[in-house]
PDB file of N, CA and C in Angstrom:
ATOM      1  N   MET A   1      76.881 149.005  92.650  1.00  0.00           N
ATOM      2  CA  MET A   1      75.966 148.369  93.587  1.00  0.00           C
ATOM      3  C   MET A   1      75.084 147.373  92.830  1.00  0.00           C
ATOM      4  N   LYS A   2      74.858 146.230  93.438  1.00  0.00           N
ATOM      5  CA  LYS A   2      74.074 145.172  92.815  1.00  0.00           C
ATOM      6  C   LYS A   2      72.583 145.471  92.912  1.00  0.00           C
ATOM      7  N   SER A   3      71.872 144.988  91.886  1.00  0.00           N
ATOM      8  CA  SER A   3      70.419 145.112  91.931  1.00  0.00           C
ATOM      9  C   SER A   3      69.863 144.046  92.882  1.00  0.00           C
ATOM     10  N   GLU A   4      68.596 144.179  93.209  1.00  0.00           N
ATOM     11  CA  GLU A   4      67.962 143.198  94.094  1.00  0.00           C
ATOM     12  C   GLU A   4      67.971 141.810  93.462  1.00  0.00           C
ATOM     13  N   LYS A   5      67.726 141.737  92.148  1.00  0.00           N
ATOM     14  CA  LYS A   5      67.726 140.443  91.459  1.00  0.00           C
ATOM     15  C   LYS A   5      69.101 139.795  91.514  1.00  0.00           C
ATOM     16  N   GLU A   6      70.137 140.580  91.289  1.00  0.00           N
ATOM     17  CA  GLU A   6      71.496 140.035  91.346  1.00  0.00           C
ATOM     18  C   GLU A   6      71.809 139.512  92.743  1.00  0.00           C
ATOM     19  N   THR A   7      71.368 140.230  93.746  1.00  0.00           N
ATOM     20  CA  THR A   7      71.579 139.793  95.127  1.00  0.00           C
ATOM     21  C   THR A   7      70.836 138.490  95.395  1.00  0.00           C
ATOM     22  N   ILE A   8      69.609 138.386  94.899  1.00  0.00           N
ATOM     23  CA  ILE A   8      68.829 137.154  95.064  1.00  0.00           C
ATOM     24  C   ILE A   8      69.529 135.994  94.370  1.00  0.00           C
ATOM     25  N   TYR A   9      70.028 136.222  93.148  1.00  0.00           N
ATOM     26  CA  TYR A   9      70.757 135.173  92.429  1.00  0.00           C
ATOM     27  C   TYR A   9      71.990 134.728  93.215  1.00  0.00           C
ATOM     28  N   ASP A  10      72.705 135.673  93.794  1.00  0.00           N
ATOM     29  CA  ASP A  10      73.891 135.342  94.593  1.00  0.00           C
ATOM     30  C   ASP A  10      73.518 134.507  95.818  1.00  0.00           C
ATOM     31  N   TYR A  11      72.466 134.917  96.516  1.00  0.00           N
ATOM     32  CA  TYR A  11      72.020 134.162  97.690  1.00  0.00           C
ATOM     33  C   TYR A  11      71.567 132.753  97.286  1.00  0.00           C
ATOM     34  N   ALA A  12      70.817 132.667  96.200  1.00  0.00           N
ATOM     35  CA  ALA A  12      70.340 131.361  95.730  1.00  0.00           C
ATOM     36  C   ALA A  12      71.509 130.450  95.372  1.00  0.00           C
ATOM     37  N   ALA A  13      72.536 131.005  94.747  1.00  0.00           N
ATOM     38  CA  ALA A  13      73.723 130.213  94.408  1.00  0.00           C
ATOM     39  C   ALA A  13      74.452 129.770  95.666  1.00  0.00           C
ATOM     40  N   GLU A  14      74.611 130.670  96.610  1.00  0.00           N
ATOM     41  CA  GLU A  14      75.299 130.351  97.859  1.00  0.00           C
ATOM     42  C   GLU A  14      74.567 129.261  98.634  1.00  0.00           C
ATOM     43  N   LEU A  15      73.241 129.320  98.616  1.00  0.00           N
ATOM     44  CA  LEU A  15      72.426 128.338  99.330  1.00  0.00           C
ATOM     45  C   LEU A  15      72.127 127.097  98.488  1.00  0.00           C
ATOM     46  N   LYS A  16      72.648 127.076  97.268  1.00  0.00           N
ATOM     47  CA  LYS A  16      72.458 125.959  96.332  1.00  0.00           C
ATOM     48  C   LYS A  16      70.982 125.716  96.040  1.00  0.00           C
ATOM     49  N   LEU A  17      70.258 126.795  95.796  1.00  0.00           N
ATOM     50  CA  LEU A  17      68.848 126.735  95.418  1.00  0.00           C
ATOM     51  C   LEU A  17      68.770 126.878  93.898  1.00  0.00           C
ATOM     52  N   LEU A  18      69.129 125.810  93.188  1.00  0.00           N
ATOM     53  CA  LEU A  18      69.246 125.895  91.736  1.00  0.00           C
ATOM     54  C   LEU A  18      67.917 126.176  91.044  1.00  0.00           C
ATOM     55  N   ALA A  19      66.854 125.480  91.441  1.00  0.00           N
ATOM     56  CA  ALA A  19      65.556 125.712  90.810  1.00  0.00           C
ATOM     57  C   ALA A  19      65.067 127.123  91.114  1.00  0.00           C
ATOM     58  N   PHE A  20      65.304 127.575  92.317  1.00  0.00           N
ATOM     59  CA  PHE A  20      64.928 128.932  92.719  1.00  0.00           C
ATOM     60  C   PHE A  20      65.580 129.927  91.764  1.00  0.00           C
ATOM     61  N   LYS A  21      66.864 129.730  91.533  1.00  0.00           N
ATOM     62  CA  LYS A  21      67.631 130.617  90.666  1.00  0.00           C
ATOM     63  C   LYS A  21      67.138 130.540  89.215  1.00  0.00           C
ATOM     64  N   GLU A  22      66.877 129.310  88.743  1.00  0.00           N
ATOM     65  CA  GLU A  22      66.439 129.112  87.362  1.00  0.00           C
ATOM     66  C   GLU A  22      65.032 129.636  87.115  1.00  0.00           C
ATOM     67  N   GLU A  23      64.170 129.543  88.097  1.00  0.00           N
ATOM     68  CA  GLU A  23      62.756 129.873  87.924  1.00  0.00           C
ATOM     69  C   GLU A  23      62.385 131.290  88.354  1.00  0.00           C
ATOM     70  N   LEU A  24      63.332 132.046  88.868  1.00  0.00           N
ATOM     71  CA  LEU A  24      63.025 133.362  89.433  1.00  0.00           C
ATOM     72  C   LEU A  24      62.353 134.290  88.423  1.00  0.00           C
ATOM     73  N   GLU A  25      62.949 134.465  87.257  1.00  0.00           N
ATOM     74  CA  GLU A  25      62.399 135.399  86.263  1.00  0.00           C
ATOM     75  C   GLU A  25      60.982 135.024  85.857  1.00  0.00           C
ATOM     76  N   CYS A  26      60.788 133.762  85.526  1.00  0.00           N
ATOM     77  CA  CYS A  26      59.472 133.287  85.094  1.00  0.00           C
ATOM     78  C   CYS A  26      58.436 133.476  86.202  1.00  0.00           C
ATOM     79  N   THR A  27      58.815 133.143  87.413  1.00  0.00           N
ATOM     80  CA  THR A  27      57.892 133.253  88.542  1.00  0.00           C
ATOM     81  C   THR A  27      57.598 134.709  88.883  1.00  0.00           C
ATOM     82  N   LEU A  28      58.597 135.570  88.754  1.00  0.00           N
ATOM     83  CA  LEU A  28      58.363 137.007  88.970  1.00  0.00           C
ATOM     84  C   LEU A  28      57.333 137.541  87.977  1.00  0.00           C
ATOM     85  N   SER A  29      57.469 137.148  86.715  1.00  0.00           N
ATOM     86  CA  SER A  29      56.520 137.598  85.685  1.00  0.00           C
ATOM     87  C   SER A  29      55.116 137.098  85.983  1.00  0.00           C
ATOM     88  N   LEU A  30      55.020 135.817  86.318  1.00  0.00           N
ATOM     89  CA  LEU A  30      53.720 135.227  86.615  1.00  0.00           C
ATOM     90  C   LEU A  30      53.086 135.888  87.838  1.00  0.00           C
ATOM     91  N   ALA A  31      53.892 136.142  88.847  1.00  0.00           N
ATOM     92  CA  ALA A  31      53.391 136.789  90.066  1.00  0.00           C
ATOM     93  C   ALA A  31      52.875 138.196  89.772  1.00  0.00           C
ATOM     94  N   ALA A  32      53.570 138.915  88.908  1.00  0.00           N
ATOM     95  CA  ALA A  32      53.137 140.271  88.555  1.00  0.00           C
ATOM     96  C   ALA A  32      51.826 140.233  87.771  1.00  0.00           C
ATOM     97  N   GLU A  33      51.719 139.279  86.831  1.00  0.00           N
ATOM     98  CA  GLU A  33      50.499 139.158  86.021  1.00  0.00           C
ATOM     99  C   GLU A  33      49.286 138.809  86.872  1.00  0.00           C
ATOM    100  N   GLU A  34      49.490 137.925  87.839  1.00  0.00           N
ATOM    101  CA  GLU A  34      48.370 137.420  88.632  1.00  0.00           C
ATOM    102  C   GLU A  34      48.239 138.092  89.998  1.00  0.00           C
ATOM    103  N   ASN A  35      49.022 139.145  90.221  1.00  0.00           N
ATOM    104  CA  ASN A  35      48.967 139.910  91.475  1.00  0.00           C
ATOM    105  C   ASN A  35      49.103 139.037  92.726  1.00  0.00           C
ATOM    106  N   TRP A  36      50.120 138.181  92.724  1.00  0.00           N
ATOM    107  CA  TRP A  36      50.366 137.334  93.885  1.00  0.00           C
ATOM    108  C   TRP A  36      50.905 138.165  95.038  1.00  0.00           C
ATOM    109  N   ASN A  37      50.637 137.702  96.250  1.00  0.00           N
ATOM    110  CA  ASN A  37      51.274 138.320  97.410  1.00  0.00           C
ATOM    111  C   ASN A  37      52.618 137.621  97.646  1.00  0.00           C
ATOM    112  N   HIS A  38      53.347 138.069  98.647  1.00  0.00           N
ATOM    113  CA  HIS A  38      54.683 137.519  98.907  1.00  0.00           C
ATOM    114  C   HIS A  38      54.647 136.031  99.241  1.00  0.00           C
ATOM    115  N   LEU A  39      53.640 135.626 100.002  1.00  0.00           N
ATOM    116  CA  LEU A  39      53.544 134.223 100.394  1.00  0.00           C
ATOM    117  C   LEU A  39      53.260 133.321  99.200  1.00  0.00           C
ATOM    118  N   GLN A  40      52.397 133.759  98.301  1.00  0.00           N
ATOM    119  CA  GLN A  40      52.118 132.971  97.102  1.00  0.00           C
ATOM    120  C   GLN A  40      53.381 132.833  96.250  1.00  0.00           C
ATOM    121  N   PHE A  41      54.107 133.920  96.122  1.00  0.00           N
ATOM    122  CA  PHE A  41      55.342 133.928  95.341  1.00  0.00           C
ATOM    123  C   PHE A  41      56.367 132.958  95.931  1.00  0.00           C
ATOM    124  N   LEU A  42      56.596 133.060  97.233  1.00  0.00           N
ATOM    125  CA  LEU A  42      57.566 132.174  97.890  1.00  0.00           C
ATOM    126  C   LEU A  42      57.115 130.718  97.853  1.00  0.00           C
ATOM    127  N   THR A  43      55.831 130.484  98.034  1.00  0.00           N
ATOM    128  CA  THR A  43      55.305 129.121  97.977  1.00  0.00           C
ATOM    129  C   THR A  43      55.580 128.497  96.620  1.00  0.00           C
ATOM    130  N   GLU A  44      55.350 129.247  95.566  1.00  0.00           N
ATOM    131  CA  GLU A  44      55.587 128.750  94.202  1.00  0.00           C
ATOM    132  C   GLU A  44      57.066 128.435  93.981  1.00  0.00           C
ATOM    133  N   LEU A  45      57.934 129.369  94.319  1.00  0.00           N
ATOM    134  CA  LEU A  45      59.370 129.160  94.108  1.00  0.00           C
ATOM    135  C   LEU A  45      59.909 128.012  94.956  1.00  0.00           C
ATOM    136  N   LEU A  46      59.544 127.971  96.215  1.00  0.00           N
ATOM    137  CA  LEU A  46      60.034 126.903  97.085  1.00  0.00           C
ATOM    138  C   LEU A  46      59.444 125.551  96.698  1.00  0.00           C
ATOM    139  N   GLY A  47      58.229 125.545  96.182  1.00  0.00           N
ATOM    140  CA  GLY A  47      57.635 124.302  95.680  1.00  0.00           C
ATOM    141  C   GLY A  47      58.417 123.749  94.504  1.00  0.00           C
ATOM    142  N   LYS A  48      58.846 124.632  93.605  1.00  0.00           N
ATOM    143  CA  LYS A  48      59.661 124.201  92.461  1.00  0.00           C
ATOM    144  C   LYS A  48      61.013 123.672  92.927  1.00  0.00           C
ATOM    145  N   GLU A  49      61.598 124.322  93.907  1.00  0.00           N
ATOM    146  CA  GLU A  49      62.881 123.862  94.453  1.00  0.00           C
ATOM    147  C   GLU A  49      62.721 122.486  95.101  1.00  0.00           C
ATOM    148  N   SER A  50      61.664 122.323  95.863  1.00  0.00           N
ATOM    149  CA  SER A  50      61.407 121.050  96.526  1.00  0.00           C
ATOM    150  C   SER A  50      61.198 119.929  95.507  1.00  0.00           C
ATOM    151  N   ALA A  51      60.437 120.193  94.461  1.00  0.00           N
ATOM    152  CA  ALA A  51      60.193 119.191  93.416  1.00  0.00           C
ATOM    153  C   ALA A  51      61.491 118.812  92.708  1.00  0.00           C
ATOM    154  N   ARG A  52      62.340 119.799  92.427  1.00  0.00           N
ATOM    155  CA  ARG A  52      63.613 119.524  91.765  1.00  0.00           C
ATOM    156  C   ARG A  52      64.491 118.648  92.646  1.00  0.00           C
ATOM    157  N   ARG A  53      64.529 118.939  93.929  1.00  0.00           N
ATOM    158  CA  ARG A  53      65.355 118.143  94.845  1.00  0.00           C
ATOM    159  C   ARG A  53      64.826 116.718  94.998  1.00  0.00           C
ATOM    160  N   ARG A  54      63.491 116.570  95.056  1.00  0.00           N
ATOM    161  CA  ARG A  54      62.910 115.224  95.125  1.00  0.00           C
ATOM    162  C   ARG A  54      63.310 114.406  93.904  1.00  0.00           C
ATOM    163  N   GLU A  55      63.218 115.022  92.738  1.00  0.00           N
ATOM    164  CA  GLU A  55      63.576 114.333  91.491  1.00  0.00           C
ATOM    165  C   GLU A  55      65.061 113.970  91.481  1.00  0.00           C
ATOM    166  N   CYS A  56      65.914 114.854  91.943  1.00  0.00           N
ATOM    167  CA  CYS A  56      67.357 114.570  92.012  1.00  0.00           C
ATOM    168  C   CYS A  56      67.642 113.419  92.970  1.00  0.00           C
ATOM    169  N   ARG A  57      66.951 113.397  94.107  1.00  0.00           N
ATOM    170  CA  ARG A  57      67.140 112.293  95.059  1.00  0.00           C
ATOM    171  C   ARG A  57      66.693 110.970  94.454  1.00  0.00           C
ATOM    172  N   ARG A  58      65.577 110.995  93.729  1.00  0.00           N
ATOM    173  CA  ARG A  58      65.068 109.781  93.089  1.00  0.00           C
ATOM    174  C   ARG A  58      66.086 109.254  92.084  1.00  0.00           C
ATOM    175  N   ARG A  59      66.593 110.140  91.228  1.00  0.00           N
ATOM    176  CA  ARG A  59      67.596 109.733  90.237  1.00  0.00           C
ATOM    177  C   ARG A  59      68.863 109.212  90.906  1.00  0.00           C
ATOM    178  N   SER A  60      69.264 109.860  91.981  1.00  0.00           N
ATOM    179  CA  SER A  60      70.470 109.448  92.697  1.00  0.00           C
ATOM    180  C   SER A  60      70.307 108.052  93.298  1.00  0.00           C
ATOM    181  N   ARG A  61      69.140 107.782  93.866  1.00  0.00           N
ATOM    182  CA  ARG A  61      68.892 106.458  94.439  1.00  0.00           C
ATOM    183  C   ARG A  61      68.928 105.374  93.368  1.00  0.00           C
ATOM    184  N   ILE A  62      68.328 105.665  92.223  1.00  0.00           N
ATOM    185  CA  ILE A  62      68.340 104.697  91.121  1.00  0.00           C
ATOM    186  C   ILE A  62      69.771 104.457  90.657  1.00  0.00           C
ATOM    187  N   ARG A  63      70.537 105.525  90.511  1.00  0.00           N
ATOM    188  CA  ARG A  63      71.925 105.417  90.060  1.00  0.00           C
ATOM    189  C   ARG A  63      72.766 104.637  91.070  1.00  0.00           C
ATOM    190  N   SER A  64      72.598 104.927  92.354  1.00  0.00           N
ATOM    191  CA  SER A  64      73.412 104.265  93.379  1.00  0.00           C
ATOM    192  C   SER A  64      72.983 102.820  93.621  1.00  0.00           C
ATOM    193  N   ALA A  65      71.786 102.441  93.187  1.00  0.00           N
ATOM    194  CA  ALA A  65      71.339 101.054  93.344  1.00  0.00           C
ATOM    195  C   ALA A  65      72.169 100.116  92.476  1.00  0.00           C
ATOM    196  N   GLY A  66      72.760 100.640  91.422  1.00  0.00           N
ATOM    197  CA  GLY A  66      73.647  99.843  90.577  1.00  0.00           C
ATOM    198  C   GLY A  66      72.935  98.796  89.740  1.00  0.00           C
ATOM    199  N   PHE A  67      71.728  99.069  89.328  1.00  0.00           N
ATOM    200  CA  PHE A  67      71.017  98.132  88.468  1.00  0.00           C
ATOM    201  C   PHE A  67      71.791  97.944  87.164  1.00  0.00           C
ATOM    202  N   PRO A  68      71.876  96.693  86.661  1.00  0.00           N
ATOM    203  CA  PRO A  68      72.612  96.478  85.412  1.00  0.00           C
ATOM    204  C   PRO A  68      71.940  97.162  84.222  1.00  0.00           C
ATOM    205  N   GLN A  69      70.635  97.277  84.265  1.00  0.00           N
ATOM    206  CA  GLN A  69      69.901  98.007  83.230  1.00  0.00           C
ATOM    207  C   GLN A  69      68.572  98.459  83.811  1.00  0.00           C
ATOM    208  N   MET A  70      68.007  99.463  83.198  1.00  0.00           N
ATOM    209  CA  MET A  70      66.724  99.980  83.670  1.00  0.00           C
ATOM    210  C   MET A  70      65.600  99.107  83.121  1.00  0.00           C
ATOM    211  N   LYS A  71      64.667  98.743  83.983  1.00  0.00           N
ATOM    212  CA  LYS A  71      63.498  97.977  83.570  1.00  0.00           C
ATOM    213  C   LYS A  71      62.264  98.682  84.118  1.00  0.00           C
ATOM    214  N   TYR A  72      61.192  98.614  83.358  1.00  0.00           N
ATOM    215  CA  TYR A  72      59.958  99.285  83.727  1.00  0.00           C
ATOM    216  C   TYR A  72      58.815  98.280  83.762  1.00  0.00           C
ATOM    217  N   LEU A  73      57.809  98.546  84.563  1.00  0.00           N
ATOM    218  CA  LEU A  73      56.674  97.634  84.681  1.00  0.00           C
ATOM    219  C   LEU A  73      55.964  97.416  83.352  1.00  0.00           C
ATOM    220  N   HIS A  74      55.876  98.442  82.528  1.00  0.00           N
ATOM    221  CA  HIS A  74      55.166  98.276  81.256  1.00  0.00           C
ATOM    222  C   HIS A  74      55.914  97.339  80.306  1.00  0.00           C
ATOM    223  N   GLU A  75      57.198  97.042  80.597  1.00  0.00           N
ATOM    224  CA  GLU A  75      57.976  96.114  79.773  1.00  0.00           C
ATOM    225  C   GLU A  75      57.855  94.674  80.270  1.00  0.00           C
ATOM    226  N   LEU A  76      57.238  94.468  81.410  1.00  0.00           N
ATOM    227  CA  LEU A  76      57.128  93.154  82.023  1.00  0.00           C
ATOM    228  C   LEU A  76      56.236  92.244  81.184  1.00  0.00           C
ATOM    229  N   VAL A  77      56.739  91.050  80.884  1.00  0.00           N
ATOM    230  CA  VAL A  77      55.962  90.052  80.148  1.00  0.00           C
ATOM    231  C   VAL A  77      55.453  89.044  81.171  1.00  0.00           C
ATOM    232  N   MET A  78      54.152  89.036  81.375  1.00  0.00           N
ATOM    233  CA  MET A  78      53.558  88.196  82.415  1.00  0.00           C
ATOM    234  C   MET A  78      53.802  86.712  82.160  1.00  0.00           C
ATOM    235  N   GLU A  79      53.887  86.307  80.897  1.00  0.00           N
ATOM    236  CA  GLU A  79      54.102  84.902  80.561  1.00  0.00           C
ATOM    237  C   GLU A  79      55.482  84.421  81.012  1.00  0.00           C
ATOM    238  N   ASP A  80      56.425  85.326  81.156  1.00  0.00           N
ATOM    239  CA  ASP A  80      57.781  84.967  81.576  1.00  0.00           C
ATOM    240  C   ASP A  80      57.919  84.858  83.092  1.00  0.00           C
ATOM    241  N   MET A  81      56.892  85.221  83.826  1.00  0.00           N
ATOM    242  CA  MET A  81      56.937  85.197  85.289  1.00  0.00           C
ATOM    243  C   MET A  81      56.751  83.768  85.807  1.00  0.00           C
ATOM    244  N   PRO A  82      57.464  83.393  86.882  1.00  0.00           N
ATOM    245  CA  PRO A  82      57.253  82.055  87.461  1.00  0.00           C
ATOM    246  C   PRO A  82      55.861  81.957  88.082  1.00  0.00           C
ATOM    247  N   LYS A  83      55.352  80.734  88.087  1.00  0.00           N
ATOM    248  CA  LYS A  83      53.995  80.543  88.632  1.00  0.00           C
ATOM    249  C   LYS A  83      54.017  80.183  90.075  1.00  0.00           C
TER     250      LYS A  83
END
């Protein structure tokens, strides 16, 4: 019979909750140390999942834009700009 953690890992994999799966142990420890309730625990884990997905979407958009090279604002030379 599977433990509760193994079952959670299986559900997270099935639902493709990668950050949830990766962060479970760390978040469980933190929740135990700080005496979080269930809502605080879920909020933390789902927040990490949401942040990971936002970052993946951002990277995907940049990749699909097909820029020939990456350029950043801090690299911009104002003297080279048209007037």
